[in-house]
């Protein structure tokens, strides 16, 4: 499946203008770096972004959480009040939960490593 990052860039650019937001505002709302917003909005760096990042940006831009993911996949974005997952789509919901848990685990591992490095640096100093 091909990914349409240009459509994502166009949508982010258009929506930030509609809402009168700056990249800094969107980044803060989505809790992502401003560099991530800039790269996606300007379509300057093409690399896979996590579903969580696209969902966070969609919410920050006052869209349905799966809006940008739908655009990326060449689909029509869901309406803002559509459910994130159909009630009977248990496998998809479980996959999403597992994906989020992996991302949380990764973030916790990074934090633990930083704390350990800081602690070790203080001992050496």
PDB file of N, CA and C in Angstrom:
ATOM      1  N   UNK A   1       0.845  -1.179   0.000  1.00  0.00           N
ATOM      2  CA  UNK A   1       0.000   0.000   0.000  1.00  0.00           C
ATOM      3  C   UNK A   1       0.892   1.245   0.000  1.00  0.00           C
ATOM      4  N   UNK A   2       0.586   2.170  -0.884  1.00  0.00           N
ATOM      5  CA  UNK A   2       1.378   3.393  -0.923  1.00  0.00           C
ATOM      6  C   UNK A   2       0.826   4.384   0.099  1.00  0.00           C
ATOM      7  N   UNK A   3       1.709   5.193   0.621  1.00  0.00           N
ATOM      8  CA  UNK A   3       1.334   6.174   1.630  1.00  0.00           C
ATOM      9  C   UNK A   3       1.392   7.557   1.009  1.00  0.00           C
ATOM     10  N   UNK A   4       0.375   8.349   1.266  1.00  0.00           N
ATOM     11  CA  UNK A   4       0.271   9.679   0.672  1.00  0.00           C
ATOM     12  C   UNK A   4       0.640  10.745   1.702  1.00  0.00           C
ATOM     13  N   UNK A   5       1.951  10.901   1.923  1.00  0.00           N
ATOM     14  CA  UNK A   5       2.431  11.879   2.891  1.00  0.00           C
ATOM     15  C   UNK A   5       2.169  13.303   2.416  1.00  0.00           C
ATOM     16  N   UNK A   6       2.086  13.506   1.096  1.00  0.00           N
ATOM     17  CA  UNK A   6       1.783  14.838   0.570  1.00  0.00           C
ATOM     18  C   UNK A   6       0.368  15.260   0.991  1.00  0.00           C
ATOM     19  N   UNK A   7      -0.571  14.315   1.002  1.00  0.00           N
ATOM     20  CA  UNK A   7      -1.940  14.620   1.445  1.00  0.00           C
ATOM     21  C   UNK A   7      -1.961  14.983   2.924  1.00  0.00           C
ATOM     22  N   UNK A   8      -1.150  14.295   3.707  1.00  0.00           N
ATOM     23  CA  UNK A   8      -1.041  14.606   5.137  1.00  0.00           C
ATOM     24  C   UNK A   8      -0.485  16.016   5.313  1.00  0.00           C
ATOM     25  N   UNK A   9       0.567  16.338   4.574  1.00  0.00           N
ATOM     26  CA  UNK A   9       1.185  17.661   4.657  1.00  0.00           C
ATOM     27  C   UNK A   9       0.186  18.755   4.285  1.00  0.00           C
ATOM     28  N   UNK A  10      -0.524  18.545   3.192  1.00  0.00           N
ATOM     29  CA  UNK A  10      -1.494  19.538   2.726  1.00  0.00           C
ATOM     30  C   UNK A  10      -2.592  19.741   3.772  1.00  0.00           C
ATOM     31  N   UNK A  11      -3.079  18.644   4.343  1.00  0.00           N
ATOM     32  CA  UNK A  11      -4.156  18.733   5.328  1.00  0.00           C
ATOM     33  C   UNK A  11      -3.698  19.479   6.581  1.00  0.00           C
ATOM     34  N   UNK A  12      -2.500  19.160   7.052  1.00  0.00           N
ATOM     35  CA  UNK A  12      -1.978  19.839   8.250  1.00  0.00           C
ATOM     36  C   UNK A  12      -1.805  21.327   7.966  1.00  0.00           C
ATOM     37  N   UNK A  13      -1.245  21.645   6.816  1.00  0.00           N
ATOM     38  CA  UNK A  13      -1.016  23.041   6.465  1.00  0.00           C
ATOM     39  C   UNK A  13      -2.334  23.808   6.383  1.00  0.00           C
ATOM     40  N   UNK A  14      -3.300  23.232   5.701  1.00  0.00           N
ATOM     41  CA  UNK A  14      -4.592  23.888   5.531  1.00  0.00           C
ATOM     42  C   UNK A  14      -5.304  24.053   6.879  1.00  0.00           C
ATOM     43  N   UNK A  15      -5.264  23.004   7.700  1.00  0.00           N
ATOM     44  CA  UNK A  15      -5.981  23.051   8.977  1.00  0.00           C
ATOM     45  C   UNK A  15      -5.344  24.043   9.955  1.00  0.00           C
ATOM     46  N   UNK A  16      -4.017  24.109   9.976  1.00  0.00           N
ATOM     47  CA  UNK A  16      -3.377  25.071  10.878  1.00  0.00           C
ATOM     48  C   UNK A  16      -3.765  26.503  10.493  1.00  0.00           C
ATOM     49  N   UNK A  17      -3.908  26.738   9.207  1.00  0.00           N
ATOM     50  CA  UNK A  17      -4.334  28.069   8.742  1.00  0.00           C
ATOM     51  C   UNK A  17      -5.778  28.347   9.175  1.00  0.00           C
ATOM     52  N   UNK A  18      -6.648  27.324   8.986  1.00  0.00           N
ATOM     53  CA  UNK A  18      -8.059  27.480   9.368  1.00  0.00           C
ATOM     54  C   UNK A  18      -8.202  27.801  10.849  1.00  0.00           C
ATOM     55  N   UNK A  19      -7.422  27.121  11.674  1.00  0.00           N
ATOM     56  CA  UNK A  19      -7.528  27.292  13.118  1.00  0.00           C
ATOM     57  C   UNK A  19      -6.654  28.432  13.650  1.00  0.00           C
ATOM     58  N   UNK A  20      -5.832  29.022  12.774  1.00  0.00           N
ATOM     59  CA  UNK A  20      -4.949  30.108  13.191  1.00  0.00           C
ATOM     60  C   UNK A  20      -3.866  29.645  14.151  1.00  0.00           C
ATOM     61  N   UNK A  21      -3.375  28.423  13.946  1.00  0.00           N
ATOM     62  CA  UNK A  21      -2.353  27.852  14.829  1.00  0.00           C
ATOM     63  C   UNK A  21      -0.978  27.917  14.178  1.00  0.00           C
ATOM     64  N   UNK A  22       0.029  28.041  15.021  1.00  0.00           N
ATOM     65  CA  UNK A  22       1.408  27.943  14.559  1.00  0.00           C
ATOM     66  C   UNK A  22       1.900  26.525  14.820  1.00  0.00           C
ATOM     67  N   UNK A  23       2.996  26.175  14.193  1.00  0.00           N
ATOM     68  CA  UNK A  23       3.564  24.839  14.406  1.00  0.00           C
ATOM     69  C   UNK A  23       3.824  24.588  15.882  1.00  0.00           C
ATOM     70  N   UNK A  24       4.295  25.595  16.561  1.00  0.00           N
ATOM     71  CA  UNK A  24       4.578  25.486  17.996  1.00  0.00           C
ATOM     72  C   UNK A  24       3.306  25.130  18.770  1.00  0.00           C
ATOM     73  N   UNK A  25       2.176  25.752  18.391  1.00  0.00           N
ATOM     74  CA  UNK A  25       0.900  25.483  19.056  1.00  0.00           C
ATOM     75  C   UNK A  25       0.459  24.039  18.830  1.00  0.00           C
ATOM     76  N   UNK A  26       0.564  23.606  17.592  1.00  0.00           N
ATOM     77  CA  UNK A  26       0.161  22.239  17.251  1.00  0.00           C
ATOM     78  C   UNK A  26       1.042  21.233  17.990  1.00  0.00           C
ATOM     79  N   UNK A  27       2.334  21.493  18.012  1.00  0.00           N
ATOM     80  CA  UNK A  27       3.269  20.593  18.694  1.00  0.00           C
ATOM     81  C   UNK A  27       2.929  20.483  20.179  1.00  0.00           C
ATOM     82  N   UNK A  28       2.637  21.615  20.792  1.00  0.00           N
ATOM     83  CA  UNK A  28       2.302  21.605  22.219  1.00  0.00           C
ATOM     84  C   UNK A  28       1.013  20.834  22.466  1.00  0.00           C
ATOM     85  N   UNK A  29      -0.001  21.092  21.657  1.00  0.00           N
ATOM     86  CA  UNK A  29      -1.281  20.387  21.808  1.00  0.00           C
ATOM     87  C   UNK A  29      -1.112  18.878  21.639  1.00  0.00           C
ATOM     88  N   UNK A  30      -0.290  18.484  20.662  1.00  0.00           N
ATOM     89  CA  UNK A  30      -0.120  17.060  20.337  1.00  0.00           C
ATOM     90  C   UNK A  30       0.949  16.392  21.193  1.00  0.00           C
ATOM     91  N   UNK A  31       1.716  17.195  21.911  1.00  0.00           N
ATOM     92  CA  UNK A  31       2.829  16.693  22.715  1.00  0.00           C
ATOM     93  C   UNK A  31       3.851  15.957  21.853  1.00  0.00           C
ATOM     94  N   UNK A  32       4.172  16.607  20.728  1.00  0.00           N
ATOM     95  CA  UNK A  32       5.236  16.119  19.846  1.00  0.00           C
ATOM     96  C   UNK A  32       6.193  17.289  19.633  1.00  0.00           C
ATOM     97  N   UNK A  33       7.325  17.021  19.038  1.00  0.00           N
ATOM     98  CA  UNK A  33       8.278  18.108  18.808  1.00  0.00           C
ATOM     99  C   UNK A  33       7.801  19.009  17.671  1.00  0.00           C
ATOM    100  N   UNK A  34       8.237  20.260  17.753  1.00  0.00           N
ATOM    101  CA  UNK A  34       7.914  21.196  16.675  1.00  0.00           C
ATOM    102  C   UNK A  34       8.565  20.732  15.377  1.00  0.00           C
ATOM    103  N   UNK A  35       9.716  20.094  15.472  1.00  0.00           N
ATOM    104  CA  UNK A  35      10.400  19.574  14.277  1.00  0.00           C
ATOM    105  C   UNK A  35       9.538  18.531  13.586  1.00  0.00           C
ATOM    106  N   UNK A  36       8.855  17.698  14.347  1.00  0.00           N
ATOM    107  CA  UNK A  36       7.965  16.684  13.756  1.00  0.00           C
ATOM    108  C   UNK A  36       6.845  17.354  12.990  1.00  0.00           C
ATOM    109  N   UNK A  37       6.229  18.360  13.602  1.00  0.00           N
ATOM    110  CA  UNK A  37       5.147  19.092  12.932  1.00  0.00           C
ATOM    111  C   UNK A  37       5.676  19.740  11.664  1.00  0.00           C
ATOM    112  N   UNK A  38       6.832  20.394  11.760  1.00  0.00           N
ATOM    113  CA  UNK A  38       7.418  21.080  10.598  1.00  0.00           C
ATOM    114  C   UNK A  38       7.693  20.086   9.462  1.00  0.00           C
ATOM    115  N   UNK A  39       8.308  18.962   9.800  1.00  0.00           N
ATOM    116  CA  UNK A  39       8.634  17.958   8.775  1.00  0.00           C
ATOM    117  C   UNK A  39       7.381  17.425   8.092  1.00  0.00           C
ATOM    118  N   UNK A  40       6.343  17.174   8.868  1.00  0.00           N
ATOM    119  CA  UNK A  40       5.106  16.658   8.286  1.00  0.00           C
ATOM    120  C   UNK A  40       4.379  17.729   7.482  1.00  0.00           C
ATOM    121  N   UNK A  41       4.298  18.933   8.024  1.00  0.00           N
ATOM    122  CA  UNK A  41       3.567  20.007   7.353  1.00  0.00           C
ATOM    123  C   UNK A  41       4.245  20.430   6.054  1.00  0.00           C
ATOM    124  N   UNK A  42       5.552  20.448   6.063  1.00  0.00           N
ATOM    125  CA  UNK A  42       6.287  20.865   4.860  1.00  0.00           C
ATOM    126  C   UNK A  42       6.646  19.698   3.953  1.00  0.00           C
ATOM    127  N   UNK A  43       6.396  18.485   4.434  1.00  0.00           N
ATOM    128  CA  UNK A  43       6.687  17.266   3.667  1.00  0.00           C
ATOM    129  C   UNK A  43       8.163  17.225   3.252  1.00  0.00           C
ATOM    130  N   UNK A  44       9.023  17.565   4.224  1.00  0.00           N
ATOM    131  CA  UNK A  44      10.452  17.636   3.929  1.00  0.00           C
ATOM    132  C   UNK A  44      11.193  16.344   4.249  1.00  0.00           C
ATOM    133  N   UNK A  45      10.718  15.605   5.239  1.00  0.00           N
ATOM    134  CA  UNK A  45      11.370  14.354   5.627  1.00  0.00           C
ATOM    135  C   UNK A  45      10.330  13.250   5.542  1.00  0.00           C
ATOM    136  N   UNK A  46      10.561  12.289   4.663  1.00  0.00           N
ATOM    137  CA  UNK A  46       9.618  11.193   4.508  1.00  0.00           C
ATOM    138  C   UNK A  46      10.132  10.008   5.308  1.00  0.00           C
ATOM    139  N   UNK A  47       9.435   9.735   6.396  1.00  0.00           N
ATOM    140  CA  UNK A  47       9.742   8.557   7.192  1.00  0.00           C
ATOM    141  C   UNK A  47       8.477   8.148   7.912  1.00  0.00           C
ATOM    142  N   UNK A  48       8.436   6.917   8.267  1.00  0.00           N
ATOM    143  CA  UNK A  48       7.255   6.375   8.934  1.00  0.00           C
ATOM    144  C   UNK A  48       7.078   7.044  10.289  1.00  0.00           C
ATOM    145  N   UNK A  49       5.902   7.518  10.553  1.00  0.00           N
ATOM    146  CA  UNK A  49       5.547   8.105  11.850  1.00  0.00           C
ATOM    147  C   UNK A  49       4.618   7.137  12.561  1.00  0.00           C
ATOM    148  N   UNK A  50       4.672   7.140  13.864  1.00  0.00           N
ATOM    149  CA  UNK A  50       3.825   6.218  14.616  1.00  0.00           C
ATOM    150  C   UNK A  50       2.359   6.617  14.476  1.00  0.00           C
ATOM    151  N   UNK A  51       1.513   5.629  14.618  1.00  0.00           N
ATOM    152  CA  UNK A  51       0.077   5.881  14.590  1.00  0.00           C
ATOM    153  C   UNK A  51      -0.290   6.846  15.707  1.00  0.00           C
ATOM    154  N   UNK A  52       0.384   6.719  16.844  1.00  0.00           N
ATOM    155  CA  UNK A  52       0.116   7.594  17.986  1.00  0.00           C
ATOM    156  C   UNK A  52       0.411   9.046  17.628  1.00  0.00           C
ATOM    157  N   UNK A  53       1.485   9.292  16.889  1.00  0.00           N
ATOM    158  CA  UNK A  53       1.826  10.654  16.480  1.00  0.00           C
ATOM    159  C   UNK A  53       0.748  11.221  15.566  1.00  0.00           C
ATOM    160  N   UNK A  54       0.314  10.427  14.596  1.00  0.00           N
ATOM    161  CA  UNK A  54      -0.730  10.892  13.676  1.00  0.00           C
ATOM    162  C   UNK A  54      -2.047  11.124  14.412  1.00  0.00           C
ATOM    163  N   UNK A  55      -2.359  10.253  15.362  1.00  0.00           N
ATOM    164  CA  UNK A  55      -3.580  10.432  16.153  1.00  0.00           C
ATOM    165  C   UNK A  55      -3.488  11.699  17.006  1.00  0.00           C
ATOM    166  N   UNK A  56      -2.355  11.907  17.640  1.00  0.00           N
ATOM    167  CA  UNK A  56      -2.177  13.093  18.487  1.00  0.00           C
ATOM    168  C   UNK A  56      -2.291  14.376  17.664  1.00  0.00           C
ATOM    169  N   UNK A  57      -1.709  14.362  16.475  1.00  0.00           N
ATOM    170  CA  UNK A  57      -1.804  15.536  15.605  1.00  0.00           C
ATOM    171  C   UNK A  57      -3.235  15.755  15.128  1.00  0.00           C
ATOM    172  N   UNK A  58      -3.924  14.670  14.803  1.00  0.00           N
ATOM    173  CA  UNK A  58      -5.325  14.792  14.389  1.00  0.00           C
ATOM    174  C   UNK A  58      -6.151  15.434  15.489  1.00  0.00           C
ATOM    175  N   UNK A  59      -5.976  14.970  16.712  1.00  0.00           N
ATOM    176  CA  UNK A  59      -6.721  15.535  17.842  1.00  0.00           C
ATOM    177  C   UNK A  59      -6.332  16.989  18.081  1.00  0.00           C
ATOM    178  N   UNK A  60      -5.042  17.290  17.956  1.00  0.00           N
ATOM    179  CA  UNK A  60      -4.576  18.663  18.152  1.00  0.00           C
ATOM    180  C   UNK A  60      -5.196  19.609  17.129  1.00  0.00           C
ATOM    181  N   UNK A  61      -5.513  19.062  15.960  1.00  0.00           N
ATOM    182  CA  UNK A  61      -6.117  19.867  14.891  1.00  0.00           C
ATOM    183  C   UNK A  61      -7.649  19.757  14.892  1.00  0.00           C
ATOM    184  N   UNK A  62      -8.164  19.205  16.001  1.00  0.00           N
ATOM    185  CA  UNK A  62      -9.615  19.113  16.218  1.00  0.00           C
ATOM    186  C   UNK A  62     -10.322  18.250  15.187  1.00  0.00           C
ATOM    187  N   UNK A  63      -9.677  17.164  14.837  1.00  0.00           N
ATOM    188  CA  UNK A  63     -10.240  16.163  13.935  1.00  0.00           C
ATOM    189  C   UNK A  63     -10.455  14.864  14.689  1.00  0.00           C
ATOM    190  N   UNK A  64     -11.069  13.918  14.010  1.00  0.00           N
ATOM    191  CA  UNK A  64     -11.185  12.542  14.510  1.00  0.00           C
ATOM    192  C   UNK A  64      -9.769  11.985  14.670  1.00  0.00           C
ATOM    193  N   UNK A  65      -9.519  11.159  15.686  1.00  0.00           N
ATOM    194  CA  UNK A  65      -8.160  10.652  15.900  1.00  0.00           C
ATOM    195  C   UNK A  65      -7.554   9.925  14.695  1.00  0.00           C
ATOM    196  N   UNK A  66      -8.373   9.354  13.827  1.00  0.00           N
ATOM    197  CA  UNK A  66      -7.848   8.596  12.694  1.00  0.00           C
ATOM    198  C   UNK A  66      -7.859   9.396  11.386  1.00  0.00           C
ATOM    199  N   UNK A  67      -8.080  10.708  11.476  1.00  0.00           N
ATOM    200  CA  UNK A  67      -8.179  11.561  10.291  1.00  0.00           C
ATOM    201  C   UNK A  67      -6.915  11.497   9.422  1.00  0.00           C
ATOM    202  N   UNK A  68      -5.764  11.795  10.015  1.00  0.00           N
ATOM    203  CA  UNK A  68      -4.524  11.829   9.225  1.00  0.00           C
ATOM    204  C   UNK A  68      -4.124  10.439   8.744  1.00  0.00           C
ATOM    205  N   UNK A  69      -4.382   9.426   9.547  1.00  0.00           N
ATOM    206  CA  UNK A  69      -4.078   8.060   9.127  1.00  0.00           C
ATOM    207  C   UNK A  69      -4.917   7.680   7.906  1.00  0.00           C
ATOM    208  N   UNK A  70      -6.182   8.074   7.904  1.00  0.00           N
ATOM    209  CA  UNK A  70      -7.046   7.804   6.747  1.00  0.00           C
ATOM    210  C   UNK A  70      -6.505   8.493   5.496  1.00  0.00           C
ATOM    211  N   UNK A  71      -6.120   9.766   5.619  1.00  0.00           N
ATOM    212  CA  UNK A  71      -5.550  10.487   4.473  1.00  0.00           C
ATOM    213  C   UNK A  71      -4.287   9.800   3.974  1.00  0.00           C
ATOM    214  N   UNK A  72      -3.444   9.399   4.916  1.00  0.00           N
ATOM    215  CA  UNK A  72      -2.195   8.722   4.558  1.00  0.00           C
ATOM    216  C   UNK A  72      -2.462   7.468   3.742  1.00  0.00           C
ATOM    217  N   UNK A  73      -3.516   6.758   4.109  1.00  0.00           N
ATOM    218  CA  UNK A  73      -3.858   5.495   3.443  1.00  0.00           C
ATOM    219  C   UNK A  73      -4.789   5.684   2.251  1.00  0.00           C
ATOM    220  N   UNK A  74      -5.045   6.946   1.865  1.00  0.00           N
ATOM    221  CA  UNK A  74      -5.878   7.218   0.695  1.00  0.00           C
ATOM    222  C   UNK A  74      -7.353   6.990   0.926  1.00  0.00           C
ATOM    223  N   UNK A  75      -7.787   7.055   2.175  1.00  0.00           N
ATOM    224  CA  UNK A  75      -9.188   6.843   2.511  1.00  0.00           C
ATOM    225  C   UNK A  75      -9.852   8.158   2.880  1.00  0.00           C
ATOM    226  N   UNK A  76     -11.171   8.141   2.902  1.00  0.00           N
ATOM    227  CA  UNK A  76     -11.922   9.304   3.339  1.00  0.00           C
ATOM    228  C   UNK A  76     -11.849   9.364   4.862  1.00  0.00           C
ATOM    229  N   UNK A  77     -11.453  10.491   5.412  1.00  0.00           N
ATOM    230  CA  UNK A  77     -11.354  10.598   6.874  1.00  0.00           C
ATOM    231  C   UNK A  77     -12.719  10.427   7.538  1.00  0.00           C
ATOM    232  N   UNK A  78     -12.735   9.846   8.730  1.00  0.00           N
ATOM    233  CA  UNK A  78     -13.999   9.690   9.447  1.00  0.00           C
ATOM    234  C   UNK A  78     -14.510  11.030   9.963  1.00  0.00           C
ATOM    235  N   UNK A  79     -15.800  11.092  10.205  1.00  0.00           N
ATOM    236  CA  UNK A  79     -16.394  12.288  10.810  1.00  0.00           C
ATOM    237  C   UNK A  79     -15.909  12.384  12.250  1.00  0.00           C
ATOM    238  N   UNK A  80     -15.893  13.583  12.772  1.00  0.00           N
ATOM    239  CA  UNK A  80     -15.372  13.824  14.118  1.00  0.00           C
ATOM    240  C   UNK A  80     -16.076  12.985  15.174  1.00  0.00           C
ATOM    241  N   UNK A  81     -17.367  12.694  14.983  1.00  0.00           N
ATOM    242  CA  UNK A  81     -18.113  11.947  15.997  1.00  0.00           C
ATOM    243  C   UNK A  81     -18.210  10.449  15.711  1.00  0.00           C
ATOM    244  N   UNK A  82     -17.539   9.976  14.659  1.00  0.00           N
ATOM    245  CA  UNK A  82     -17.507   8.533  14.390  1.00  0.00           C
ATOM    246  C   UNK A  82     -16.720   7.834  15.487  1.00  0.00           C
ATOM    247  N   UNK A  83     -17.105   6.600  15.828  1.00  0.00           N
ATOM    248  CA  UNK A  83     -16.306   5.870  16.822  1.00  0.00           C
ATOM    249  C   UNK A  83     -14.913   5.600  16.265  1.00  0.00           C
ATOM    250  N   UNK A  84     -13.936   5.516  17.156  1.00  0.00           N
ATOM    251  CA  UNK A  84     -12.568   5.249  16.716  1.00  0.00           C
ATOM    252  C   UNK A  84     -12.487   3.848  16.137  1.00  0.00           C
ATOM    253  N   UNK A  85     -13.142   2.904  16.781  1.00  0.00           N
ATOM    254  CA  UNK A  85     -13.211   1.524  16.292  1.00  0.00           C
ATOM    255  C   UNK A  85     -14.652   1.068  16.398  1.00  0.00           C
ATOM    256  N   UNK A  86     -15.127   0.329  15.393  1.00  0.00           N
ATOM    257  CA  UNK A  86     -16.472  -0.235  15.527  1.00  0.00           C
ATOM    258  C   UNK A  86     -16.526  -1.127  16.773  1.00  0.00           C
ATOM    259  N   UNK A  87     -17.663  -1.133  17.426  1.00  0.00           N
ATOM    260  CA  UNK A  87     -17.811  -1.888  18.676  1.00  0.00           C
ATOM    261  C   UNK A  87     -17.443  -3.362  18.523  1.00  0.00           C
ATOM    262  N   UNK A  88     -17.722  -3.936  17.360  1.00  0.00           N
ATOM    263  CA  UNK A  88     -17.478  -5.371  17.190  1.00  0.00           C
ATOM    264  C   UNK A  88     -16.095  -5.678  16.598  1.00  0.00           C
ATOM    265  N   UNK A  89     -15.250  -4.677  16.437  1.00  0.00           N
ATOM    266  CA  UNK A  89     -13.931  -4.881  15.851  1.00  0.00           C
ATOM    267  C   UNK A  89     -12.884  -5.101  16.948  1.00  0.00           C
ATOM    268  N   UNK A  90     -13.069  -6.176  17.690  1.00  0.00           N
ATOM    269  CA  UNK A  90     -12.191  -6.474  18.825  1.00  0.00           C
ATOM    270  C   UNK A  90     -10.736  -6.676  18.395  1.00  0.00           C
ATOM    271  N   UNK A  91     -10.441  -7.426  17.321  1.00  0.00           N
ATOM    272  CA  UNK A  91      -9.033  -7.604  16.943  1.00  0.00           C
ATOM    273  C   UNK A  91      -8.314  -6.280  16.656  1.00  0.00           C
ATOM    274  N   UNK A  92      -8.968  -5.370  15.966  1.00  0.00           N
ATOM    275  CA  UNK A  92      -8.344  -4.079  15.670  1.00  0.00           C
ATOM    276  C   UNK A  92      -8.129  -3.286  16.950  1.00  0.00           C
ATOM    277  N   UNK A  93      -9.095  -3.329  17.839  1.00  0.00           N
ATOM    278  CA  UNK A  93      -8.970  -2.622  19.106  1.00  0.00           C
ATOM    279  C   UNK A  93      -7.826  -3.193  19.935  1.00  0.00           C
ATOM    280  N   UNK A  94      -7.708  -4.516  19.962  1.00  0.00           N
ATOM    281  CA  UNK A  94      -6.615  -5.146  20.705  1.00  0.00           C
ATOM    282  C   UNK A  94      -5.262  -4.794  20.092  1.00  0.00           C
ATOM    283  N   UNK A  95      -5.191  -4.799  18.766  1.00  0.00           N
ATOM    284  CA  UNK A  95      -3.947  -4.404  18.098  1.00  0.00           C
ATOM    285  C   UNK A  95      -3.548  -2.984  18.480  1.00  0.00           C
ATOM    286  N   UNK A  96      -4.520  -2.091  18.521  1.00  0.00           N
ATOM    287  CA  UNK A  96      -4.238  -0.697  18.887  1.00  0.00           C
ATOM    288  C   UNK A  96      -3.743  -0.608  20.327  1.00  0.00           C
ATOM    289  N   UNK A  97      -4.367  -1.359  21.215  1.00  0.00           N
ATOM    290  CA  UNK A  97      -3.939  -1.362  22.618  1.00  0.00           C
ATOM    291  C   UNK A  97      -2.516  -1.889  22.730  1.00  0.00           C
ATOM    292  N   UNK A  98      -2.233  -2.975  22.032  1.00  0.00           N
ATOM    293  CA  UNK A  98      -0.878  -3.542  22.069  1.00  0.00           C
ATOM    294  C   UNK A  98       0.148  -2.558  21.508  1.00  0.00           C
ATOM    295  N   UNK A  99      -0.196  -1.878  20.432  1.00  0.00           N
ATOM    296  CA  UNK A  99       0.707  -0.896  19.831  1.00  0.00           C
ATOM    297  C   UNK A  99       0.990   0.239  20.823  1.00  0.00           C
ATOM    298  N   UNK A 100      -0.064   0.711  21.483  1.00  0.00           N
ATOM    299  CA  UNK A 100       0.126   1.782  22.468  1.00  0.00           C
ATOM    300  C   UNK A 100       0.971   1.299  23.642  1.00  0.00           C
ATOM    301  N   UNK A 101       0.755   0.087  24.088  1.00  0.00           N
ATOM    302  CA  UNK A 101       1.563  -0.450  25.187  1.00  0.00           C
ATOM    303  C   UNK A 101       3.035  -0.556  24.801  1.00  0.00           C
ATOM    304  N   UNK A 102       3.307  -0.981  23.567  1.00  0.00           N
ATOM    305  CA  UNK A 102       4.699  -1.043  23.099  1.00  0.00           C
ATOM    306  C   UNK A 102       5.327   0.342  23.090  1.00  0.00           C
ATOM    307  N   UNK A 103       4.579   1.329  22.626  1.00  0.00           N
ATOM    308  CA  UNK A 103       5.096   2.695  22.589  1.00  0.00           C
ATOM    309  C   UNK A 103       5.342   3.224  24.001  1.00  0.00           C
ATOM    310  N   UNK A 104       4.436   2.939  24.923  1.00  0.00           N
ATOM    311  CA  UNK A 104       4.611   3.366  26.316  1.00  0.00           C
ATOM    312  C   UNK A 104       5.822   2.681  26.927  1.00  0.00           C
ATOM    313  N   UNK A 105       5.956   1.388  26.680  1.00  0.00           N
ATOM    314  CA  UNK A 105       7.100   0.638  27.200  1.00  0.00           C
ATOM    315  C   UNK A 105       8.402   1.217  26.661  1.00  0.00           C
ATOM    316  N   UNK A 106       8.421   1.533  25.381  1.00  0.00           N
ATOM    317  CA  UNK A 106       9.617   2.124  24.773  1.00  0.00           C
ATOM    318  C   UNK A 106       9.954   3.467  25.438  1.00  0.00           C
ATOM    319  N   UNK A 107       8.943   4.298  25.639  1.00  0.00           N
ATOM    320  CA  UNK A 107       9.171   5.599  26.268  1.00  0.00           C
ATOM    321  C   UNK A 107       9.665   5.434  27.702  1.00  0.00           C
ATOM    322  N   UNK A 108       9.100   4.479  28.434  1.00  0.00           N
ATOM    323  CA  UNK A 108       9.549   4.239  29.803  1.00  0.00           C
ATOM    324  C   UNK A 108      10.989   3.739  29.834  1.00  0.00           C
ATOM    325  N   UNK A 109      11.336   2.866  28.888  1.00  0.00           N
ATOM    326  CA  UNK A 109      12.715   2.390  28.808  1.00  0.00           C
ATOM    327  C   UNK A 109      13.676   3.547  28.565  1.00  0.00           C
ATOM    328  N   UNK A 110      13.297   4.459  27.662  1.00  0.00           N
ATOM    329  CA  UNK A 110      14.143   5.621  27.393  1.00  0.00           C
ATOM    330  C   UNK A 110      14.294   6.501  28.634  1.00  0.00           C
ATOM    331  N   UNK A 111      13.205   6.715  29.349  1.00  0.00           N
ATOM    332  CA  UNK A 111      13.275   7.514  30.574  1.00  0.00           C
ATOM    333  C   UNK A 111      14.154   6.848  31.622  1.00  0.00           C
ATOM    334  N   UNK A 112      13.998   5.549  31.789  1.00  0.00           N
ATOM    335  CA  UNK A 112      14.825   4.820  32.747  1.00  0.00           C
ATOM    336  C   UNK A 112      16.299   4.905  32.379  1.00  0.00           C
ATOM    337  N   UNK A 113      16.605   4.795  31.100  1.00  0.00           N
ATOM    338  CA  UNK A 113      17.995   4.909  30.662  1.00  0.00           C
ATOM    339  C   UNK A 113      18.551   6.294  30.954  1.00  0.00           C
ATOM    340  N   UNK A 114      17.746   7.328  30.705  1.00  0.00           N
ATOM    341  CA  UNK A 114      18.193   8.692  30.992  1.00  0.00           C
ATOM    342  C   UNK A 114      18.429   8.893  32.489  1.00  0.00           C
ATOM    343  N   UNK A 115      17.515   8.386  33.291  1.00  0.00           N
ATOM    344  CA  UNK A 115      17.673   8.502  34.744  1.00  0.00           C
ATOM    345  C   UNK A 115      18.925   7.780  35.219  1.00  0.00           C
ATOM    346  N   UNK A 116      19.163   6.595  34.683  1.00  0.00           N
ATOM    347  CA  UNK A 116      20.350   5.832  35.047  1.00  0.00           C
ATOM    348  C   UNK A 116      21.608   6.584  34.622  1.00  0.00           C
ATOM    349  N   UNK A 117      21.597   7.128  33.402  1.00  0.00           N
ATOM    350  CA  UNK A 117      22.754   7.886  32.914  1.00  0.00           C
ATOM    351  C   UNK A 117      22.998   9.115  33.790  1.00  0.00           C
ATOM    352  N   UNK A 118      21.911   9.819  34.168  1.00  0.00           N
ATOM    353  CA  UNK A 118      22.054  10.988  35.040  1.00  0.00           C
ATOM    354  C   UNK A 118      22.619  10.588  36.401  1.00  0.00           C
ATOM    355  N   UNK A 119      22.110   9.507  36.941  1.00  0.00           N
ATOM    356  CA  UNK A 119      22.562   9.033  38.249  1.00  0.00           C
ATOM    357  C   UNK A 119      24.027   8.611  38.190  1.00  0.00           C
ATOM    358  N   UNK A 120      24.395   7.889  37.128  1.00  0.00           N
ATOM    359  CA  UNK A 120      25.781   7.455  36.967  1.00  0.00           C
ATOM    360  C   UNK A 120      26.702   8.642  36.754  1.00  0.00           C
ATOM    361  N   UNK A 121      26.232   9.653  36.049  1.00  0.00           N
ATOM    362  CA  UNK A 121      27.036  10.859  35.817  1.00  0.00           C
ATOM    363  C   UNK A 121      27.281  11.622  37.103  1.00  0.00           C
ATOM    364  N   UNK A 122      26.281  11.653  37.986  1.00  0.00           N
ATOM    365  CA  UNK A 122      26.447  12.348  39.261  1.00  0.00           C
ATOM    366  C   UNK A 122      27.418  11.612  40.166  1.00  0.00           C
ATOM    367  N   UNK A 123      27.406  10.277  40.099  1.00  0.00           N
ATOM    368  CA  UNK A 123      28.335   9.491  40.904  1.00  0.00           C
ATOM    369  C   UNK A 123      29.777   9.702  40.455  1.00  0.00           C
ATOM    370  N   UNK A 124      29.951   9.807  39.123  1.00  0.00           N
ATOM    371  CA  UNK A 124      31.299   9.975  38.575  1.00  0.00           C
ATOM    372  C   UNK A 124      31.821  11.392  38.852  1.00  0.00           C
ATOM    373  N   UNK A 125      30.903  12.348  38.975  1.00  0.00           N
ATOM    374  CA  UNK A 125      31.310  13.747  39.120  1.00  0.00           C
ATOM    375  C   UNK A 125      31.545  14.164  40.485  1.00  0.00           C
TER     376      UNK A 125
END
